Amino acid sequence: MVKKLKILIVDDCKVMQAVIRRTLQLANIHMDIVDTADNGKSGLIKLKKNGYDLLVLDVNMPVMDGMELIYQVKNDSSLANMPVLIVSAESNEGRKKTLSGLGAGFVHKPFTPEILREEILKIARGLVKPI
């Protein structure tokens, strides 16, 4: 049986949160719970309070951006092994390289269910089964 994932989507745009959630469904990602947060600070609070299997986030957000959130996650021993997928319109190659060096997957907006699924398969280390 395929594990149903607990996923946290952190993006300051409610429409994009809904698009990511729907695209995960279309990508046939088995989800138990999908929570959202509007910025990295509230996302970090939810991460520490609830156990998630996958973190999906944007880079450019107010209060705490995605870069800082990833640093916080990777430096917290209880969160450090969590798969992180960045879904962003970020085009700065230096920032993208830095994020990749932190072990995060990257999907450029706009994206398809197939691209999203392929990147999740790369980073989720056995949590998601190939179709």
C-alpha atoms as a PDB file:
ATOM      1  CA  MET A   1       0.000   0.000   0.000  1.00  0.00           C
ATOM      2  CA  VAL A   2       1.240   3.480  -0.896  1.00  0.00           C
ATOM      3  CA  LYS A   3       1.722   5.841   2.034  1.00  0.00           C
ATOM      4  CA  LYS A   4      -0.544   8.858   2.051  1.00  0.00           C
ATOM      5  CA  LEU A   5       1.595  11.936   2.557  1.00  0.00           C
ATOM      6  CA  LYS A   6       1.180  14.867   4.904  1.00  0.00           C
ATOM      7  CA  ILE A   7       2.209  17.889   2.843  1.00  0.00           C
ATOM      8  CA  LEU A   8       2.776  21.520   3.782  1.00  0.00           C
ATOM      9  CA  ILE A   9       2.534  24.105   0.999  1.00  0.00           C
ATOM     10  CA  VAL A  10       4.115  27.469   1.871  1.00  0.00           C
ATOM     11  CA  ASP A  11       3.285  30.211  -0.624  1.00  0.00           C
ATOM     12  CA  ASP A  12       2.048  33.764  -0.113  1.00  0.00           C
ATOM     13  CA  CYS A  13      -0.465  33.438  -2.971  1.00  0.00           C
ATOM     14  CA  LYS A  14      -3.707  31.599  -2.117  1.00  0.00           C
ATOM     15  CA  VAL A  15      -4.347  30.908  -5.796  1.00  0.00           C
ATOM     16  CA  MET A  16      -0.932  29.251  -6.156  1.00  0.00           C
ATOM     17  CA  GLN A  17      -1.568  27.183  -3.012  1.00  0.00           C
ATOM     18  CA  ALA A  18      -4.741  25.876  -4.672  1.00  0.00           C
ATOM     19  CA  VAL A  19      -2.940  25.286  -7.993  1.00  0.00           C
ATOM     20  CA  ILE A  20      -0.191  23.271  -6.279  1.00  0.00           C
ATOM     21  CA  ARG A  21      -2.732  21.234  -4.303  1.00  0.00           C
ATOM     22  CA  ARG A  22      -4.725  20.445  -7.462  1.00  0.00           C
ATOM     23  CA  THR A  23      -1.578  19.649  -9.448  1.00  0.00           C
ATOM     24  CA  LEU A  24      -0.478  17.215  -6.730  1.00  0.00           C
ATOM     25  CA  GLN A  25      -3.845  15.467  -7.123  1.00  0.00           C
ATOM     26  CA  LEU A  26      -3.480  15.376 -10.921  1.00  0.00           C
ATOM     27  CA  ALA A  27       0.058  14.008 -10.480  1.00  0.00           C
ATOM     28  CA  ASN A  28      -1.433  11.066  -8.568  1.00  0.00           C
ATOM     29  CA  ILE A  29       0.405  11.922  -5.348  1.00  0.00           C
ATOM     30  CA  HIS A  30      -1.416  10.106  -2.552  1.00  0.00           C
ATOM     31  CA  MET A  31      -2.127  12.720   0.105  1.00  0.00           C
ATOM     32  CA  ASP A  32      -3.594  12.386   3.557  1.00  0.00           C
ATOM     33  CA  ILE A  33      -3.343  16.002   4.677  1.00  0.00           C
ATOM     34  CA  VAL A  34      -2.395  19.139   2.765  1.00  0.00           C
ATOM     35  CA  ASP A  35      -1.873  22.194   4.945  1.00  0.00           C
ATOM     36  CA  THR A  36      -0.890  25.677   3.821  1.00  0.00           C
ATOM     37  CA  ALA A  37       0.995  28.657   5.190  1.00  0.00           C
ATOM     38  CA  ASP A  38       1.318  32.175   3.746  1.00  0.00           C
ATOM     39  CA  ASN A  39       4.994  32.774   4.607  1.00  0.00           C
ATOM     40  CA  GLY A  40       8.080  31.025   5.889  1.00  0.00           C
ATOM     41  CA  LYS A  41       7.564  32.086   9.505  1.00  0.00           C
ATOM     42  CA  SER A  42       4.082  30.584   9.806  1.00  0.00           C
ATOM     43  CA  GLY A  43       5.280  27.597   7.757  1.00  0.00           C
ATOM     44  CA  LEU A  44       8.114  26.957  10.214  1.00  0.00           C
ATOM     45  CA  ILE A  45       5.686  27.078  13.150  1.00  0.00           C
ATOM     46  CA  LYS A  46       3.458  24.496  11.444  1.00  0.00           C
ATOM     47  CA  LEU A  47       6.457  22.310  10.572  1.00  0.00           C
ATOM     48  CA  LYS A  48       7.571  22.218  14.200  1.00  0.00           C
ATOM     49  CA  LYS A  49       4.046  21.598  15.506  1.00  0.00           C
ATOM     50  CA  ASN A  50       2.902  18.942  13.008  1.00  0.00           C
ATOM     51  CA  GLY A  51       4.744  16.078  11.379  1.00  0.00           C
ATOM     52  CA  TYR A  52       4.913  16.432   7.596  1.00  0.00           C
ATOM     53  CA  ASP A  53       6.373  14.162   4.945  1.00  0.00           C
ATOM     54  CA  LEU A  54       6.989  16.832   2.305  1.00  0.00           C
ATOM     55  CA  LEU A  55       7.490  20.604   2.262  1.00  0.00           C
ATOM     56  CA  VAL A  56       6.538  22.471  -0.931  1.00  0.00           C
ATOM     57  CA  LEU A  57       7.394  26.164  -0.957  1.00  0.00           C
ATOM     58  CA  ASP A  58       7.935  29.326  -2.915  1.00  0.00           C
ATOM     59  CA  VAL A  59      11.147  31.329  -2.632  1.00  0.00           C
ATOM     60  CA  ASN A  60       9.858  34.896  -2.748  1.00  0.00           C
ATOM     61  CA  MET A  61       7.525  35.529   0.204  1.00  0.00           C
ATOM     62  CA  PRO A  62       7.072  38.232   2.846  1.00  0.00           C
ATOM     63  CA  VAL A  63       7.997  37.921   6.550  1.00  0.00           C
ATOM     64  CA  MET A  64      10.377  34.970   6.000  1.00  0.00           C
ATOM     65  CA  ASP A  65      11.288  33.957   2.475  1.00  0.00           C
ATOM     66  CA  GLY A  66      11.763  30.412   1.218  1.00  0.00           C
ATOM     67  CA  MET A  67      15.561  30.609   1.359  1.00  0.00           C
ATOM     68  CA  GLU A  68      15.494  31.407   5.088  1.00  0.00           C
ATOM     69  CA  LEU A  69      12.866  28.715   5.688  1.00  0.00           C
ATOM     70  CA  ILE A  70      15.077  26.095   4.047  1.00  0.00           C
ATOM     71  CA  TYR A  71      18.059  27.182   6.163  1.00  0.00           C
ATOM     72  CA  GLN A  72      15.892  26.880   9.302  1.00  0.00           C
ATOM     73  CA  VAL A  73      14.641  23.422   8.261  1.00  0.00           C
ATOM     74  CA  LYS A  74      18.089  22.084   7.352  1.00  0.00           C
ATOM     75  CA  ASN A  75      19.572  23.357  10.638  1.00  0.00           C
ATOM     76  CA  ASP A  76      16.872  21.748  12.801  1.00  0.00           C
ATOM     77  CA  SER A  77      17.747  18.118  13.556  1.00  0.00           C
ATOM     78  CA  SER A  78      14.074  17.136  13.792  1.00  0.00           C
ATOM     79  CA  LEU A  79      13.331  18.555  10.313  1.00  0.00           C
ATOM     80  CA  ALA A  80      16.636  18.247   8.449  1.00  0.00           C
ATOM     81  CA  ASN A  81      15.742  15.058   6.545  1.00  0.00           C
ATOM     82  CA  MET A  82      12.386  16.302   5.296  1.00  0.00           C
ATOM     83  CA  PRO A  83      12.154  16.407   1.492  1.00  0.00           C
ATOM     84  CA  VAL A  84      11.808  19.995   0.268  1.00  0.00           C
ATOM     85  CA  LEU A  85      10.460  21.000  -3.134  1.00  0.00           C
ATOM     86  CA  ILE A  86      10.668  24.582  -4.301  1.00  0.00           C
ATOM     87  CA  VAL A  87       7.960  25.656  -6.737  1.00  0.00           C
ATOM     88  CA  SER A  88       8.924  29.128  -7.897  1.00  0.00           C
ATOM     89  CA  ALA A  89       9.287  31.570 -10.756  1.00  0.00           C
ATOM     90  CA  GLU A  90      12.812  32.293  -9.445  1.00  0.00           C
ATOM     91  CA  SER A  91      15.155  32.752 -12.389  1.00  0.00           C
ATOM     92  CA  ASN A  92      18.364  33.812 -10.634  1.00  0.00           C
ATOM     93  CA  GLU A  93      20.744  30.954 -11.406  1.00  0.00           C
ATOM     94  CA  GLY A  94      22.931  31.706  -8.367  1.00  0.00           C
ATOM     95  CA  ARG A  95      19.985  31.412  -5.977  1.00  0.00           C
ATOM     96  CA  LYS A  96      18.748  28.270  -7.729  1.00  0.00           C
ATOM     97  CA  LYS A  97      22.221  26.706  -7.386  1.00  0.00           C
ATOM     98  CA  THR A  98      22.353  27.629  -3.685  1.00  0.00           C
ATOM     99  CA  LEU A  99      18.915  26.093  -3.099  1.00  0.00           C
ATOM    100  CA  SER A 100      19.897  22.945  -4.966  1.00  0.00           C
ATOM    101  CA  GLY A 101      23.033  22.722  -2.829  1.00  0.00           C
ATOM    102  CA  LEU A 102      20.789  22.580   0.228  1.00  0.00           C
ATOM    103  CA  GLY A 103      19.215  19.404  -1.117  1.00  0.00           C
ATOM    104  CA  ALA A 104      15.968  20.958  -2.294  1.00  0.00           C
ATOM    105  CA  GLY A 105      14.265  19.975  -5.519  1.00  0.00           C
ATOM    106  CA  PHE A 106      13.208  22.769  -7.860  1.00  0.00           C
ATOM    107  CA  VAL A 107      10.227  23.120 -10.207  1.00  0.00           C
ATOM    108  CA  HIS A 108       9.886  26.313 -12.224  1.00  0.00           C
ATOM    109  CA  LYS A 109       6.462  27.949 -12.531  1.00  0.00           C
ATOM    110  CA  PRO A 110       4.475  27.223 -14.664  1.00  0.00           C
ATOM    111  CA  PHE A 111       4.644  23.436 -14.320  1.00  0.00           C
ATOM    112  CA  THR A 112       2.749  20.296 -15.249  1.00  0.00           C
ATOM    113  CA  PRO A 113       1.608  17.411 -13.040  1.00  0.00           C
ATOM    114  CA  GLU A 114       4.231  15.207 -14.713  1.00  0.00           C
ATOM    115  CA  ILE A 115       7.084  17.594 -13.918  1.00  0.00           C
ATOM    116  CA  LEU A 116       5.890  17.999 -10.330  1.00  0.00           C
ATOM    117  CA  ARG A 117       5.611  14.224  -9.844  1.00  0.00           C
ATOM    118  CA  GLU A 118       9.036  13.566 -11.398  1.00  0.00           C
ATOM    119  CA  GLU A 119      10.744  16.012  -9.036  1.00  0.00           C
ATOM    120  CA  ILE A 120       8.884  14.640  -5.996  1.00  0.00           C
ATOM    121  CA  LEU A 121      10.011  11.131  -6.968  1.00  0.00           C
ATOM    122  CA  LYS A 122      13.625  12.395  -6.971  1.00  0.00           C
ATOM    123  CA  ILE A 123      13.506  14.012  -3.550  1.00  0.00           C
ATOM    124  CA  ALA A 124      10.977  11.937  -1.574  1.00  0.00           C
ATOM    125  CA  ARG A 125      13.292   8.924  -1.109  1.00  0.00           C
ATOM    126  CA  GLY A 126      10.779   6.133  -1.445  1.00  0.00           C
ATOM    127  CA  LEU A 127       7.744   7.968  -0.047  1.00  0.00           C
ATOM    128  CA  VAL A 128       6.192   8.119  -3.503  1.00  0.00           C
ATOM    129  CA  LYS A 129       5.899   5.096  -5.793  1.00  0.00           C
ATOM    130  CA  PRO A 130       6.360   5.416  -9.562  1.00  0.00           C
ATOM    131  CA  ILE A 131       3.162   4.945 -11.575  1.00  0.00           C
END
